Amino acid sequence: MAKKKKKDAKKSGKKEAQAVPVKKKLKIDAGKPAKVLKSELVYAGKLFRVLAEDIEEPNGKTTFREVIRHGGSAVILAIDKRKSKKDPLVLIERQFRHAAQQYLYEVPAGKMEPNEDNLEAAKRELLEETGYTAKKWSKLVKYFASPGFLGEWMQIFLAEDLTPGEARPDEDEWLELQFVPLSEVLRLIDAGKIRDGKTLIATLYYARMTGLGCR
């Protein structure tokens, strides 16, 4: 059958589609940044800047890009194992997000200050938003939220051995806090009810890393 298809392709003058190579071990090569040929500051706000840029990509192609530049964010997956090690509690915030036009259920997170250490930013954000501090901190994963146009990266930390305190949220923040069993968070993820990207990544990464909640 395969030989017949090749013969038919030759008769019709059509070329076979080039097969995509399969790599059993993928070597990550981040490459170099693009060469910026022209850059215009379109907008500068408190949280980010918008740039319009003509660039030359590493492959030599010249193109135009509109990019949002952001200083990066710290994300905190705060876990309480006191009641159950097999199904620990996850600290979740309910917060209205105007851009999404709805309330979202999220893990704590916030923008890093200029020249601020990642871990110190995570500790500050957890305290400010929730009032909690943690004795044990672990770095999980770093990722880009939406690299097609947004330069923001997010560093997720695992916070354990929690101690409650007084929250100090920003004036424009109103947060409803709740502890939710990991199994329930995973159920809500499966049901499509939790839609915040950092919460999806942090929770699923933790579940895979620990084997908790995995079927």
C-alpha atoms as a PDB file:
ATOM      1  CA  MET A   1       0.000   0.000   0.000  1.00  0.00           C
ATOM      2  CA  ALA A   2       2.875   2.393   0.881  1.00  0.00           C
ATOM      3  CA  LYS A   3       4.630   1.683  -2.454  1.00  0.00           C
ATOM      4  CA  LYS A   4       1.398   2.314  -4.329  1.00  0.00           C
ATOM      5  CA  LYS A   5       0.986   5.713  -2.592  1.00  0.00           C
ATOM      6  CA  LYS A   6       4.547   6.696  -3.581  1.00  0.00           C
ATOM      7  CA  LYS A   7       3.890   5.721  -7.201  1.00  0.00           C
ATOM      8  CA  ASP A   8       0.614   7.667  -7.222  1.00  0.00           C
ATOM      9  CA  ALA A   9       2.405  10.712  -5.789  1.00  0.00           C
ATOM     10  CA  LYS A  10       5.071  10.533  -8.512  1.00  0.00           C
ATOM     11  CA  LYS A  11       2.433  10.236 -11.220  1.00  0.00           C
ATOM     12  CA  SER A  12       0.527  13.271  -9.943  1.00  0.00           C
ATOM     13  CA  GLY A  13       3.735  15.268  -9.577  1.00  0.00           C
ATOM     14  CA  LYS A  14       3.089  15.845  -5.875  1.00  0.00           C
ATOM     15  CA  LYS A  15       5.938  15.723  -3.363  1.00  0.00           C
ATOM     16  CA  GLU A  16       5.614  13.663  -0.228  1.00  0.00           C
ATOM     17  CA  ALA A  17       5.260  15.649   2.974  1.00  0.00           C
ATOM     18  CA  GLN A  18       8.565  15.808   4.832  1.00  0.00           C
ATOM     19  CA  ALA A  19       8.405  13.736   7.990  1.00  0.00           C
ATOM     20  CA  VAL A  20       8.862  15.559  11.308  1.00  0.00           C
ATOM     21  CA  PRO A  21      11.858  14.029  13.133  1.00  0.00           C
ATOM     22  CA  VAL A  22      11.263  12.172  16.386  1.00  0.00           C
ATOM     23  CA  LYS A  23      13.757  13.000  19.137  1.00  0.00           C
ATOM     24  CA  LYS A  24      13.726  10.598  22.072  1.00  0.00           C
ATOM     25  CA  LYS A  25      15.953  12.964  24.022  1.00  0.00           C
ATOM     26  CA  LEU A  26      15.305  16.633  23.332  1.00  0.00           C
ATOM     27  CA  LYS A  27      18.278  18.934  23.810  1.00  0.00           C
ATOM     28  CA  ILE A  28      17.060  22.374  24.854  1.00  0.00           C
ATOM     29  CA  ASP A  29      18.737  25.190  22.934  1.00  0.00           C
ATOM     30  CA  ALA A  30      17.397  28.611  23.968  1.00  0.00           C
ATOM     31  CA  GLY A  31      19.497  30.420  21.374  1.00  0.00           C
ATOM     32  CA  LYS A  32      20.273  34.128  21.396  1.00  0.00           C
ATOM     33  CA  PRO A  33      17.953  37.159  21.635  1.00  0.00           C
ATOM     34  CA  ALA A  34      16.792  38.904  18.490  1.00  0.00           C
ATOM     35  CA  LYS A  35      18.653  41.965  17.231  1.00  0.00           C
ATOM     36  CA  VAL A  36      16.484  45.025  17.823  1.00  0.00           C
ATOM     37  CA  LEU A  37      16.621  47.267  14.742  1.00  0.00           C
ATOM     38  CA  LYS A  38      14.118  49.853  15.960  1.00  0.00           C
ATOM     39  CA  SER A  39      12.219  50.225  19.236  1.00  0.00           C
ATOM     40  CA  GLU A  40       9.405  52.620  20.152  1.00  0.00           C
ATOM     41  CA  LEU A  41       7.907  52.967  23.625  1.00  0.00           C
ATOM     42  CA  VAL A  42       4.148  52.961  23.061  1.00  0.00           C
ATOM     43  CA  TYR A  43       2.996  52.911  26.675  1.00  0.00           C
ATOM     44  CA  ALA A  44       4.571  52.987  30.142  1.00  0.00           C
ATOM     45  CA  GLY A  45       2.444  52.106  33.171  1.00  0.00           C
ATOM     46  CA  LYS A  46       2.949  51.030  36.775  1.00  0.00           C
ATOM     47  CA  LEU A  47       3.072  47.316  35.949  1.00  0.00           C
ATOM     48  CA  PHE A  48       4.452  47.048  32.427  1.00  0.00           C
ATOM     49  CA  ARG A  49       5.694  48.782  29.265  1.00  0.00           C
ATOM     50  CA  VAL A  50       4.501  48.256  25.691  1.00  0.00           C
ATOM     51  CA  LEU A  51       7.125  48.377  22.930  1.00  0.00           C
ATOM     52  CA  ALA A  52       6.753  48.361  19.139  1.00  0.00           C
ATOM     53  CA  GLU A  53       9.921  46.867  17.643  1.00  0.00           C
ATOM     54  CA  ASP A  54      11.467  45.957  14.320  1.00  0.00           C
ATOM     55  CA  ILE A  55      13.715  42.974  14.954  1.00  0.00           C
ATOM     56  CA  GLU A  56      16.017  40.528  13.238  1.00  0.00           C
ATOM     57  CA  GLU A  57      15.423  37.038  14.609  1.00  0.00           C
ATOM     58  CA  PRO A  58      18.281  34.531  15.104  1.00  0.00           C
ATOM     59  CA  ASN A  59      17.291  32.814  11.812  1.00  0.00           C
ATOM     60  CA  GLY A  60      17.942  36.077   9.954  1.00  0.00           C
ATOM     61  CA  LYS A  61      14.280  36.917   9.358  1.00  0.00           C
ATOM     62  CA  THR A  62      13.257  40.550   9.943  1.00  0.00           C
ATOM     63  CA  THR A  63       9.814  41.204  11.363  1.00  0.00           C
ATOM     64  CA  PHE A  64       7.699  43.544  13.512  1.00  0.00           C
ATOM     65  CA  ARG A  65       6.621  42.732  17.048  1.00  0.00           C
ATOM     66  CA  GLU A  66       4.532  44.445  19.722  1.00  0.00           C
ATOM     67  CA  VAL A  67       5.814  43.321  23.112  1.00  0.00           C
ATOM     68  CA  ILE A  68       4.725  43.860  26.712  1.00  0.00           C
ATOM     69  CA  ARG A  69       7.750  44.053  29.000  1.00  0.00           C
ATOM     70  CA  HIS A  70       7.205  43.052  32.615  1.00  0.00           C
ATOM     71  CA  GLY A  71       9.678  42.578  35.471  1.00  0.00           C
ATOM     72  CA  GLY A  72       8.540  39.064  36.380  1.00  0.00           C
ATOM     73  CA  SER A  73       6.351  37.597  39.100  1.00  0.00           C
ATOM     74  CA  ALA A  74       6.678  35.297  42.091  1.00  0.00           C
ATOM     75  CA  VAL A  75       4.021  32.592  42.517  1.00  0.00           C
ATOM     76  CA  ILE A  76       3.428  30.752  45.788  1.00  0.00           C
ATOM     77  CA  LEU A  77       1.890  27.308  46.204  1.00  0.00           C
ATOM     78  CA  ALA A  78       1.238  27.370  49.972  1.00  0.00           C
ATOM     79  CA  ILE A  79       0.605  23.871  51.373  1.00  0.00           C
ATOM     80  CA  ASP A  80      -0.678  22.839  54.822  1.00  0.00           C
ATOM     81  CA  LYS A  81      -0.059  19.162  55.678  1.00  0.00           C
ATOM     82  CA  ARG A  82      -1.085  19.266  59.331  1.00  0.00           C
ATOM     83  CA  LYS A  83      -4.454  17.557  58.819  1.00  0.00           C
ATOM     84  CA  SER A  84      -3.426  15.198  56.027  1.00  0.00           C
ATOM     85  CA  LYS A  85      -0.136  14.431  54.279  1.00  0.00           C
ATOM     86  CA  LYS A  86      -1.909  12.436  51.574  1.00  0.00           C
ATOM     87  CA  ASP A  87      -4.398  15.201  50.784  1.00  0.00           C
ATOM     88  CA  PRO A  88      -2.846  18.486  51.973  1.00  0.00           C
ATOM     89  CA  LEU A  89      -4.634  21.811  51.961  1.00  0.00           C
ATOM     90  CA  VAL A  90      -3.847  24.409  49.283  1.00  0.00           C
ATOM     91  CA  LEU A  91      -4.190  28.127  50.045  1.00  0.00           C
ATOM     92  CA  ILE A  92      -6.467  29.603  47.363  1.00  0.00           C
ATOM     93  CA  GLU A  93      -7.505  33.212  46.729  1.00  0.00           C
ATOM     94  CA  ARG A  94     -10.775  34.261  45.127  1.00  0.00           C
ATOM     95  CA  GLN A  95     -10.174  37.540  43.329  1.00  0.00           C
ATOM     96  CA  PHE A  96     -12.057  39.568  40.737  1.00  0.00           C
ATOM     97  CA  ARG A  97     -10.050  40.007  37.537  1.00  0.00           C
ATOM     98  CA  HIS A  98     -11.341  42.763  35.288  1.00  0.00           C
ATOM     99  CA  ALA A  99      -9.374  41.534  32.248  1.00  0.00           C
ATOM    100  CA  ALA A 100     -11.037  38.116  32.581  1.00  0.00           C
ATOM    101  CA  GLN A 101     -14.384  39.749  33.535  1.00  0.00           C
ATOM    102  CA  GLN A 102     -14.966  37.301  36.379  1.00  0.00           C
ATOM    103  CA  TYR A 103     -13.743  36.046  39.744  1.00  0.00           C
ATOM    104  CA  LEU A 104     -10.834  33.628  39.454  1.00  0.00           C
ATOM    105  CA  TYR A 105      -9.517  31.120  41.976  1.00  0.00           C
ATOM    106  CA  GLU A 106      -5.760  31.505  42.236  1.00  0.00           C
ATOM    107  CA  VAL A 107      -2.695  30.746  44.281  1.00  0.00           C
ATOM    108  CA  PRO A 108      -0.971  33.861  45.716  1.00  0.00           C
ATOM    109  CA  ALA A 109       1.348  35.758  43.382  1.00  0.00           C
ATOM    110  CA  GLY A 110       2.704  39.204  42.687  1.00  0.00           C
ATOM    111  CA  LYS A 111       5.062  41.348  40.677  1.00  0.00           C
ATOM    112  CA  MET A 112       8.700  41.495  41.667  1.00  0.00           C
ATOM    113  CA  GLU A 113      10.160  44.846  42.595  1.00  0.00           C
ATOM    114  CA  PRO A 114      13.234  46.087  40.645  1.00  0.00           C
ATOM    115  CA  ASN A 115      16.389  44.162  41.679  1.00  0.00           C
ATOM    116  CA  GLU A 116      14.365  42.087  44.171  1.00  0.00           C
ATOM    117  CA  ASP A 117      15.417  38.485  44.845  1.00  0.00           C
ATOM    118  CA  ASN A 118      12.880  35.899  43.627  1.00  0.00           C
ATOM    119  CA  LEU A 119      12.499  34.197  46.993  1.00  0.00           C
ATOM    120  CA  GLU A 120      12.241  37.456  48.912  1.00  0.00           C
ATOM    121  CA  ALA A 121       9.509  38.567  46.520  1.00  0.00           C
ATOM    122  CA  ALA A 122       7.620  35.323  47.153  1.00  0.00           C
ATOM    123  CA  LYS A 123       7.884  35.735  50.932  1.00  0.00           C
ATOM    124  CA  ARG A 124       6.724  39.359  50.704  1.00  0.00           C
ATOM    125  CA  GLU A 125       3.753  38.552  48.472  1.00  0.00           C
ATOM    126  CA  LEU A 126       2.585  35.647  50.647  1.00  0.00           C
ATOM    127  CA  LEU A 127       2.682  37.838  53.741  1.00  0.00           C
ATOM    128  CA  GLU A 128       1.056  40.869  52.109  1.00  0.00           C
ATOM    129  CA  GLU A 129      -1.772  38.975  50.410  1.00  0.00           C
ATOM    130  CA  THR A 130      -2.541  36.295  53.007  1.00  0.00           C
ATOM    131  CA  GLY A 131      -0.766  37.147  56.281  1.00  0.00           C
ATOM    132  CA  TYR A 132       0.985  33.760  56.229  1.00  0.00           C
ATOM    133  CA  THR A 133       4.697  33.078  56.566  1.00  0.00           C
ATOM    134  CA  ALA A 134       6.412  29.769  55.822  1.00  0.00           C
ATOM    135  CA  LYS A 135       9.405  28.043  57.405  1.00  0.00           C
ATOM    136  CA  LYS A 136      10.186  25.874  54.388  1.00  0.00           C
ATOM    137  CA  TRP A 137      10.581  27.189  50.851  1.00  0.00           C
ATOM    138  CA  SER A 138      11.379  25.249  47.668  1.00  0.00           C
ATOM    139  CA  LYS A 139      11.785  26.456  44.085  1.00  0.00           C
ATOM    140  CA  LEU A 140       9.526  24.554  41.685  1.00  0.00           C
ATOM    141  CA  VAL A 141       9.383  25.782  38.085  1.00  0.00           C
ATOM    142  CA  LYS A 142       9.835  28.957  36.055  1.00  0.00           C
ATOM    143  CA  TYR A 143       7.767  29.626  32.949  1.00  0.00           C
ATOM    144  CA  PHE A 144       6.640  32.321  30.497  1.00  0.00           C
ATOM    145  CA  ALA A 145       2.949  33.167  30.823  1.00  0.00           C
ATOM    146  CA  SER A 146       2.190  34.096  27.181  1.00  0.00           C
ATOM    147  CA  PRO A 147       5.441  34.489  25.197  1.00  0.00           C
ATOM    148  CA  GLY A 148       3.762  35.428  21.922  1.00  0.00           C
ATOM    149  CA  PHE A 149       3.536  39.042  23.101  1.00  0.00           C
ATOM    150  CA  LEU A 150       4.216  39.098  26.848  1.00  0.00           C
ATOM    151  CA  GLY A 151       7.754  39.077  28.262  1.00  0.00           C
ATOM    152  CA  GLU A 152       6.614  38.262  31.803  1.00  0.00           C
ATOM    153  CA  TRP A 153       8.051  35.134  33.406  1.00  0.00           C
ATOM    154  CA  MET A 154       6.757  33.528  36.589  1.00  0.00           C
ATOM    155  CA  GLN A 155       8.766  31.665  39.231  1.00  0.00           C
ATOM    156  CA  ILE A 156       6.725  29.218  41.309  1.00  0.00           C
ATOM    157  CA  PHE A 157       7.738  28.464  44.892  1.00  0.00           C
ATOM    158  CA  LEU A 158       6.420  25.806  47.259  1.00  0.00           C
ATOM    159  CA  ALA A 159       5.763  27.190  50.762  1.00  0.00           C
ATOM    160  CA  GLU A 160       5.321  24.755  53.666  1.00  0.00           C
ATOM    161  CA  ASP A 161       5.081  24.834  57.481  1.00  0.00           C
ATOM    162  CA  LEU A 162       2.759  27.829  57.454  1.00  0.00           C
ATOM    163  CA  THR A 163       2.155  30.290  60.291  1.00  0.00           C
ATOM    164  CA  PRO A 164      -0.838  32.671  60.166  1.00  0.00           C
ATOM    165  CA  GLY A 165      -0.518  36.426  60.628  1.00  0.00           C
ATOM    166  CA  GLU A 166      -2.030  39.710  59.517  1.00  0.00           C
ATOM    167  CA  ALA A 167      -2.411  40.330  55.797  1.00  0.00           C
ATOM    168  CA  ARG A 168      -1.453  43.674  54.253  1.00  0.00           C
ATOM    169  CA  PRO A 169      -2.982  43.697  50.754  1.00  0.00           C
ATOM    170  CA  ASP A 170      -2.642  46.660  48.402  1.00  0.00           C
ATOM    171  CA  GLU A 171      -5.431  49.243  48.376  1.00  0.00           C
ATOM    172  CA  ASP A 172      -6.804  47.937  45.076  1.00  0.00           C
ATOM    173  CA  GLU A 173      -6.766  44.281  46.208  1.00  0.00           C
ATOM    174  CA  TRP A 174      -9.714  42.441  47.729  1.00  0.00           C
ATOM    175  CA  LEU A 175      -8.966  38.788  48.348  1.00  0.00           C
ATOM    176  CA  GLU A 176     -11.144  36.033  49.765  1.00  0.00           C
ATOM    177  CA  LEU A 177      -8.930  33.297  51.229  1.00  0.00           C
ATOM    178  CA  GLN A 178      -9.710  29.630  51.682  1.00  0.00           C
ATOM    179  CA  PHE A 179      -7.846  26.367  52.236  1.00  0.00           C
ATOM    180  CA  VAL A 180      -8.942  23.687  49.780  1.00  0.00           C
ATOM    181  CA  PRO A 181      -7.880  20.002  49.781  1.00  0.00           C
ATOM    182  CA  LEU A 182      -5.508  19.178  46.927  1.00  0.00           C
ATOM    183  CA  SER A 183      -7.932  16.498  45.699  1.00  0.00           C
ATOM    184  CA  GLU A 184     -10.682  19.113  45.414  1.00  0.00           C
ATOM    185  CA  VAL A 185      -8.435  21.547  43.519  1.00  0.00           C
ATOM    186  CA  LEU A 186      -7.541  18.746  41.089  1.00  0.00           C
ATOM    187  CA  ARG A 187     -11.220  17.858  40.698  1.00  0.00           C
ATOM    188  CA  LEU A 188     -12.039  21.471  39.870  1.00  0.00           C
ATOM    189  CA  ILE A 189      -9.181  21.551  37.361  1.00  0.00           C
ATOM    190  CA  ASP A 190     -10.524  18.402  35.679  1.00  0.00           C
ATOM    191  CA  ALA A 191     -13.975  20.010  35.573  1.00  0.00           C
ATOM    192  CA  GLY A 192     -12.605  23.161  33.915  1.00  0.00           C
ATOM    193  CA  LYS A 193     -13.601  25.350  36.854  1.00  0.00           C
ATOM    194  CA  ILE A 194     -10.119  26.646  37.727  1.00  0.00           C
ATOM    195  CA  ARG A 195      -8.889  28.741  34.803  1.00  0.00           C
ATOM    196  CA  ASP A 196      -5.925  30.678  36.148  1.00  0.00           C
ATOM    197  CA  GLY A 197      -2.735  29.576  34.403  1.00  0.00           C
ATOM    198  CA  LYS A 198      -0.303  29.862  37.296  1.00  0.00           C
ATOM    199  CA  THR A 199      -2.670  27.910  39.547  1.00  0.00           C
ATOM    200  CA  LEU A 200      -3.018  25.139  36.963  1.00  0.00           C
ATOM    201  CA  ILE A 201       0.742  24.861  36.487  1.00  0.00           C
ATOM    202  CA  ALA A 202       1.643  25.078  40.180  1.00  0.00           C
ATOM    203  CA  THR A 203      -0.944  22.550  41.338  1.00  0.00           C
ATOM    204  CA  LEU A 204      -0.445  20.007  38.560  1.00  0.00           C
ATOM    205  CA  TYR A 205       3.353  20.255  38.824  1.00  0.00           C
ATOM    206  CA  TYR A 206       3.160  19.644  42.578  1.00  0.00           C
ATOM    207  CA  ALA A 207       0.770  16.707  42.163  1.00  0.00           C
ATOM    208  CA  ARG A 208       3.048  15.093  39.572  1.00  0.00           C
ATOM    209  CA  MET A 209       6.185  15.767  41.652  1.00  0.00           C
ATOM    210  CA  THR A 210       4.730  14.249  44.825  1.00  0.00           C
ATOM    211  CA  GLY A 211       2.442  11.632  43.288  1.00  0.00           C
ATOM    212  CA  LEU A 212      -0.426  13.014  45.378  1.00  0.00           C
ATOM    213  CA  GLY A 213      -3.798  12.999  43.666  1.00  0.00           C
ATOM    214  CA  CYS A 214      -2.394  11.214  40.588  1.00  0.00           C
ATOM    215  CA  ARG A 215      -4.546   8.392  39.250  1.00  0.00           C
END
